[in-house]
């Protein structure tokens, strides 16, 4: 149990190490969320462009 406490104490630097890990995790999660939102928006834009292109092709055939 003492080894775990020493590890978590990080040699006296725990006040700097653990918050830096937390900030890093928050930033990574934020990047993931932003990327997924951007992906969904771009997929929706692509789908609307595909539909517009299909409508133009039908009108050109008629």
PDB file of N, CA and C in Angstrom:
ATOM      1  N   UNK A   1       0.824  -1.201   0.000  1.00  0.00           N
ATOM      2  CA  UNK A   1       0.000   0.000   0.000  1.00  0.00           C
ATOM      3  C   UNK A   1       0.862   1.257   0.000  1.00  0.00           C
ATOM      4  N   UNK A   2       2.024   1.134   0.665  1.00  0.00           N
ATOM      5  CA  UNK A   2       2.955   2.267   0.725  1.00  0.00           C
ATOM      6  C   UNK A   2       3.481   2.621  -0.669  1.00  0.00           C
ATOM      7  N   UNK A   3       3.675   1.599  -1.506  1.00  0.00           N
ATOM      8  CA  UNK A   3       4.178   1.844  -2.867  1.00  0.00           C
ATOM      9  C   UNK A   3       3.160   2.644  -3.682  1.00  0.00           C
ATOM     10  N   UNK A   4       1.901   2.341  -3.489  1.00  0.00           N
ATOM     11  CA  UNK A   4       0.856   3.069  -4.193  1.00  0.00           C
ATOM     12  C   UNK A   4       0.820   4.524  -3.732  1.00  0.00           C
ATOM     13  N   UNK A   5       0.946   4.738  -2.444  1.00  0.00           N
ATOM     14  CA  UNK A   5       0.955   6.096  -1.912  1.00  0.00           C
ATOM     15  C   UNK A   5       2.151   6.878  -2.429  1.00  0.00           C
ATOM     16  N   UNK A   6       3.309   6.229  -2.516  1.00  0.00           N
ATOM     17  CA  UNK A   6       4.492   6.892  -3.065  1.00  0.00           C
ATOM     18  C   UNK A   6       4.305   7.234  -4.539  1.00  0.00           C
ATOM     19  N   UNK A   7       3.700   6.310  -5.272  1.00  0.00           N
ATOM     20  CA  UNK A   7       3.440   6.568  -6.688  1.00  0.00           C
ATOM     21  C   UNK A   7       2.504   7.755  -6.859  1.00  0.00           C
ATOM     22  N   UNK A   8       1.415   7.762  -6.090  1.00  0.00           N
ATOM     23  CA  UNK A   8       0.450   8.854  -6.206  1.00  0.00           C
ATOM     24  C   UNK A   8       1.026  10.185  -5.751  1.00  0.00           C
ATOM     25  N   UNK A   9       2.010  10.142  -4.861  1.00  0.00           N
ATOM     26  CA  UNK A   9       2.663  11.363  -4.385  1.00  0.00           C
ATOM     27  C   UNK A   9       3.622  11.916  -5.438  1.00  0.00           C
ATOM     28  N   UNK A  10       4.067  11.070  -6.359  1.00  0.00           N
ATOM     29  CA  UNK A  10       4.960  11.458  -7.456  1.00  0.00           C
ATOM     30  C   UNK A  10       6.212  12.173  -6.956  1.00  0.00           C
ATOM     31  N   UNK A  11       6.773  11.675  -5.896  1.00  0.00           N
ATOM     32  CA  UNK A  11       8.000  12.257  -5.371  1.00  0.00           C
ATOM     33  C   UNK A  11       7.843  13.689  -4.891  1.00  0.00           C
ATOM     34  N   UNK A  12       6.659  14.046  -4.464  1.00  0.00           N
ATOM     35  CA  UNK A  12       6.413  15.393  -3.974  1.00  0.00           C
ATOM     36  C   UNK A  12       5.894  16.345  -5.041  1.00  0.00           C
ATOM     37  N   UNK A  13       5.796  15.875  -6.266  1.00  0.00           N
ATOM     38  CA  UNK A  13       5.348  16.724  -7.372  1.00  0.00           C
ATOM     39  C   UNK A  13       3.912  16.442  -7.803  1.00  0.00           C
ATOM     40  N   UNK A  14       3.166  15.746  -6.981  1.00  0.00           N
ATOM     41  CA  UNK A  14       1.795  15.370  -7.332  1.00  0.00           C
ATOM     42  C   UNK A  14       0.910  16.585  -7.600  1.00  0.00           C
ATOM     43  N   UNK A  15       1.168  17.689  -6.920  1.00  0.00           N
ATOM     44  CA  UNK A  15       0.348  18.893  -7.115  1.00  0.00           C
ATOM     45  C   UNK A  15       0.517  19.460  -8.518  1.00  0.00           C
ATOM     46  N   UNK A  16       1.599  19.098  -9.204  1.00  0.00           N
ATOM     47  CA  UNK A  16       1.834  19.563 -10.568  1.00  0.00           C
ATOM     48  C   UNK A  16       1.497  18.490 -11.603  1.00  0.00           C
ATOM     49  N   UNK A  17       1.796  17.244 -11.250  1.00  0.00           N
ATOM     50  CA  UNK A  17       1.635  16.147 -12.209  1.00  0.00           C
ATOM     51  C   UNK A  17       0.171  15.822 -12.461  1.00  0.00           C
ATOM     52  N   UNK A  18      -0.603  15.588 -11.410  1.00  0.00           N
ATOM     53  CA  UNK A  18      -1.985  15.160 -11.591  1.00  0.00           C
ATOM     54  C   UNK A  18      -2.853  16.225 -12.260  1.00  0.00           C
ATOM     55  N   UNK A  19      -2.732  17.504 -11.912  1.00  0.00           N
ATOM     56  CA  UNK A  19      -3.510  18.501 -12.652  1.00  0.00           C
ATOM     57  C   UNK A  19      -3.114  18.573 -14.133  1.00  0.00           C
ATOM     58  N   UNK A  20      -1.834  18.361 -14.424  1.00  0.00           N
ATOM     59  CA  UNK A  20      -1.434  18.378 -15.837  1.00  0.00           C
ATOM     60  C   UNK A  20      -2.054  17.201 -16.590  1.00  0.00           C
ATOM     61  N   UNK A  21      -2.135  16.051 -15.939  1.00  0.00           N
ATOM     62  CA  UNK A  21      -2.827  14.917 -16.559  1.00  0.00           C
ATOM     63  C   UNK A  21      -4.307  15.240 -16.778  1.00  0.00           C
ATOM     64  N   UNK A  22      -4.921  15.874 -15.814  1.00  0.00           N
ATOM     65  CA  UNK A  22      -6.339  16.217 -15.933  1.00  0.00           C
ATOM     66  C   UNK A  22      -6.571  17.219 -17.061  1.00  0.00           C
ATOM     67  N   UNK A  23      -5.726  18.226 -17.153  1.00  0.00           N
ATOM     68  CA  UNK A  23      -5.870  19.217 -18.224  1.00  0.00           C
ATOM     69  C   UNK A  23      -5.682  18.547 -19.581  1.00  0.00           C
ATOM     70  N   UNK A  24      -4.704  17.678 -19.685  1.00  0.00           N
ATOM     71  CA  UNK A  24      -4.462  16.958 -20.934  1.00  0.00           C
ATOM     72  C   UNK A  24      -5.665  16.113 -21.317  1.00  0.00           C
ATOM     73  N   UNK A  25      -6.237  15.411 -20.357  1.00  0.00           N
ATOM     74  CA  UNK A  25      -7.410  14.576 -20.635  1.00  0.00           C
ATOM     75  C   UNK A  25      -8.589  15.434 -21.089  1.00  0.00           C
ATOM     76  N   UNK A  26      -8.798  16.580 -20.456  1.00  0.00           N
ATOM     77  CA  UNK A  26      -9.896  17.465 -20.843  1.00  0.00           C
ATOM     78  C   UNK A  26      -9.690  17.980 -22.264  1.00  0.00           C
ATOM     79  N   UNK A  27      -8.464  18.364 -22.589  1.00  0.00           N
ATOM     80  CA  UNK A  27      -8.169  18.861 -23.936  1.00  0.00           C
ATOM     81  C   UNK A  27      -8.393  17.766 -24.974  1.00  0.00           C
ATOM     82  N   UNK A  28      -7.939  16.562 -24.692  1.00  0.00           N
ATOM     83  CA  UNK A  28      -8.124  15.462 -25.639  1.00  0.00           C
ATOM     84  C   UNK A  28      -9.597  15.131 -25.846  1.00  0.00           C
ATOM     85  N   UNK A  29     -10.371  15.125 -24.784  1.00  0.00           N
ATOM     86  CA  UNK A  29     -11.815  14.873 -24.907  1.00  0.00           C
ATOM     87  C   UNK A  29     -12.466  16.000 -25.704  1.00  0.00           C
ATOM     88  N   UNK A  30     -12.051  17.238 -25.457  1.00  0.00           N
ATOM     89  CA  UNK A  30     -12.581  18.364 -26.218  1.00  0.00           C
ATOM     90  C   UNK A  30     -12.260  18.253 -27.693  1.00  0.00           C
ATOM     91  N   UNK A  31     -11.042  17.844 -28.021  1.00  0.00           N
ATOM     92  CA  UNK A  31     -10.676  17.645 -29.421  1.00  0.00           C
ATOM     93  C   UNK A  31     -11.493  16.530 -30.063  1.00  0.00           C
ATOM     94  N   UNK A  32     -11.729  15.473 -29.315  1.00  0.00           N
ATOM     95  CA  UNK A  32     -12.546  14.371 -29.828  1.00  0.00           C
ATOM     96  C   UNK A  32     -13.961  14.838 -30.128  1.00  0.00           C
ATOM     97  N   UNK A  33     -14.550  15.576 -29.198  1.00  0.00           N
ATOM     98  CA  UNK A  33     -15.915  16.078 -29.387  1.00  0.00           C
ATOM     99  C   UNK A  33     -15.975  17.026 -30.579  1.00  0.00           C
ATOM    100  N   UNK A  34     -15.019  17.935 -30.673  1.00  0.00           N
ATOM    101  CA  UNK A  34     -14.998  18.889 -31.791  1.00  0.00           C
ATOM    102  C   UNK A  34     -14.826  18.163 -33.118  1.00  0.00           C
ATOM    103  N   UNK A  35     -13.980  17.153 -33.145  1.00  0.00           N
ATOM    104  CA  UNK A  35     -13.754  16.395 -34.378  1.00  0.00           C
ATOM    105  C   UNK A  35     -15.011  15.644 -34.810  1.00  0.00           C
ATOM    106  N   UNK A  36     -15.684  15.027 -33.841  1.00  0.00           N
ATOM    107  CA  UNK A  36     -16.897  14.287 -34.175  1.00  0.00           C
ATOM    108  C   UNK A  36     -18.007  15.218 -34.661  1.00  0.00           C
ATOM    109  N   UNK A  37     -18.134  16.388 -34.026  1.00  0.00           N
ATOM    110  CA  UNK A  37     -19.146  17.358 -34.462  1.00  0.00           C
ATOM    111  C   UNK A  37     -18.837  17.854 -35.868  1.00  0.00           C
ATOM    112  N   UNK A  38     -17.569  18.114 -36.149  1.00  0.00           N
ATOM    113  CA  UNK A  38     -17.160  18.565 -37.476  1.00  0.00           C
ATOM    114  C   UNK A  38     -17.414  17.468 -38.515  1.00  0.00           C
ATOM    115  N   UNK A  39     -17.116  16.231 -38.158  1.00  0.00           N
ATOM    116  CA  UNK A  39     -17.357  15.112 -39.067  1.00  0.00           C
ATOM    117  C   UNK A  39     -18.833  15.018 -39.422  1.00  0.00           C
ATOM    118  N   UNK A  40     -19.706  15.090 -38.429  1.00  0.00           N
ATOM    119  CA  UNK A  40     -21.137  14.995 -38.692  1.00  0.00           C
ATOM    120  C   UNK A  40     -21.624  16.146 -39.562  1.00  0.00           C
ATOM    121  N   UNK A  41     -21.106  17.348 -39.322  1.00  0.00           N
ATOM    122  CA  UNK A  41     -21.512  18.502 -40.132  1.00  0.00           C
ATOM    123  C   UNK A  41     -21.045  18.332 -41.567  1.00  0.00           C
ATOM    124  N   UNK A  42     -19.838  17.856 -41.765  1.00  0.00           N
ATOM    125  CA  UNK A  42     -19.317  17.664 -43.122  1.00  0.00           C
ATOM    126  C   UNK A  42     -20.035  16.523 -43.839  1.00  0.00           C
ATOM    127  N   UNK A  43     -20.386  15.478 -43.107  1.00  0.00           N
ATOM    128  CA  UNK A  43     -21.154  14.390 -43.724  1.00  0.00           C
ATOM    129  C   UNK A  43     -22.525  14.879 -44.164  1.00  0.00           C
ATOM    130  N   UNK A  44     -23.155  15.719 -43.358  1.00  0.00           N
ATOM    131  CA  UNK A  44     -24.463  16.267 -43.719  1.00  0.00           C
ATOM    132  C   UNK A  44     -24.337  17.175 -44.940  1.00  0.00           C
ATOM    133  N   UNK A  45     -23.281  17.986 -44.988  1.00  0.00           N
ATOM    134  CA  UNK A  45     -23.068  18.861 -46.151  1.00  0.00           C
ATOM    135  C   UNK A  45     -22.820  18.026 -47.401  1.00  0.00           C
ATOM    136  N   UNK A  46     -22.060  16.965 -47.285  1.00  0.00           N
ATOM    137  CA  UNK A  46     -21.801  16.092 -48.424  1.00  0.00           C
ATOM    138  C   UNK A  46     -23.085  15.449 -48.910  1.00  0.00           C
ATOM    139  N   UNK A  47     -23.907  14.992 -47.989  1.00  0.00           N
ATOM    140  CA  UNK A  47     -25.174  14.367 -48.370  1.00  0.00           C
ATOM    141  C   UNK A  47     -26.076  15.357 -49.105  1.00  0.00           C
ATOM    142  N   UNK A  48     -26.136  16.600 -48.623  1.00  0.00           N
ATOM    143  CA  UNK A  48     -26.979  17.588 -49.307  1.00  0.00           C
ATOM    144  C   UNK A  48     -26.419  17.910 -50.693  1.00  0.00           C
ATOM    145  N   UNK A  49     -25.103  17.931 -50.845  1.00  0.00           N
ATOM    146  CA  UNK A  49     -24.509  18.157 -52.168  1.00  0.00           C
ATOM    147  C   UNK A  49     -24.801  16.994 -53.110  1.00  0.00           C
ATOM    148  N   UNK A  50     -24.757  15.773 -52.570  1.00  0.00           N
ATOM    149  CA  UNK A  50     -25.086  14.607 -53.393  1.00  0.00           C
ATOM    150  C   UNK A  50     -26.532  14.679 -53.868  1.00  0.00           C
ATOM    151  N   UNK A  51     -27.443  15.037 -52.976  1.00  0.00           N
ATOM    152  CA  UNK A  51     -28.849  15.141 -53.360  1.00  0.00           C
ATOM    153  C   UNK A  51     -29.062  16.233 -54.389  1.00  0.00           C
ATOM    154  N   UNK A  52     -28.385  17.361 -54.223  1.00  0.00           N
ATOM    155  CA  UNK A  52     -28.510  18.448 -55.185  1.00  0.00           C
ATOM    156  C   UNK A  52     -27.980  18.018 -56.544  1.00  0.00           C
ATOM    157  N   UNK A  53     -26.885  17.279 -56.552  1.00  0.00           N
ATOM    158  CA  UNK A  53     -26.315  16.784 -57.802  1.00  0.00           C
ATOM    159  C   UNK A  53     -27.227  15.787 -58.495  1.00  0.00           C
ATOM    160  N   UNK A  54     -27.870  14.931 -57.718  1.00  0.00           N
ATOM    161  CA  UNK A  54     -28.821  13.969 -58.298  1.00  0.00           C
ATOM    162  C   UNK A  54     -30.021  14.684 -58.893  1.00  0.00           C
ATOM    163  N   UNK A  55     -30.503  15.725 -58.231  1.00  0.00           N
ATOM    164  CA  UNK A  55     -31.657  16.494 -58.739  1.00  0.00           C
ATOM    165  C   UNK A  55     -31.280  17.197 -60.030  1.00  0.00           C
ATOM    166  N   UNK A  56     -30.078  17.750 -60.121  1.00  0.00           N
ATOM    167  CA  UNK A  56     -29.644  18.413 -61.338  1.00  0.00           C
ATOM    168  C   UNK A  56     -29.503  17.410 -62.474  1.00  0.00           C
ATOM    169  N   UNK A  57     -29.027  16.204 -62.164  1.00  0.00           N
ATOM    170  CA  UNK A  57     -28.883  15.167 -63.183  1.00  0.00           C
ATOM    171  C   UNK A  57     -30.246  14.744 -63.718  1.00  0.00           C
ATOM    172  N   UNK A  58     -31.242  14.626 -62.840  1.00  0.00           N
ATOM    173  CA  UNK A  58     -32.593  14.273 -63.282  1.00  0.00           C
ATOM    174  C   UNK A  58     -33.197  15.360 -64.170  1.00  0.00           C
ATOM    175  N   UNK A  59     -32.963  16.622 -63.773  1.00  0.00           N
ATOM    176  CA  UNK A  59     -33.491  17.738 -64.558  1.00  0.00           C
ATOM    177  C   UNK A  59     -32.813  17.803 -65.923  1.00  0.00           C
ATOM    178  N   UNK A  60     -31.541  17.474 -66.001  1.00  0.00           N
ATOM    179  CA  UNK A  60     -30.820  17.513 -67.273  1.00  0.00           C
ATOM    180  C   UNK A  60     -31.296  16.397 -68.198  1.00  0.00           C
ATOM    181  N   UNK A  61     -31.688  15.266 -67.625  1.00  0.00           N
ATOM    182  CA  UNK A  61     -32.184  14.152 -68.427  1.00  0.00           C
ATOM    183  C   UNK A  61     -33.565  14.433 -68.985  1.00  0.00           C
ATOM    184  N   UNK A  62     -34.353  15.218 -68.275  1.00  0.00           N
ATOM    185  CA  UNK A  62     -35.739  15.454 -68.662  1.00  0.00           C
ATOM    186  C   UNK A  62     -35.857  16.463 -69.767  1.00  0.00           C
TER     187      UNK A  62
END
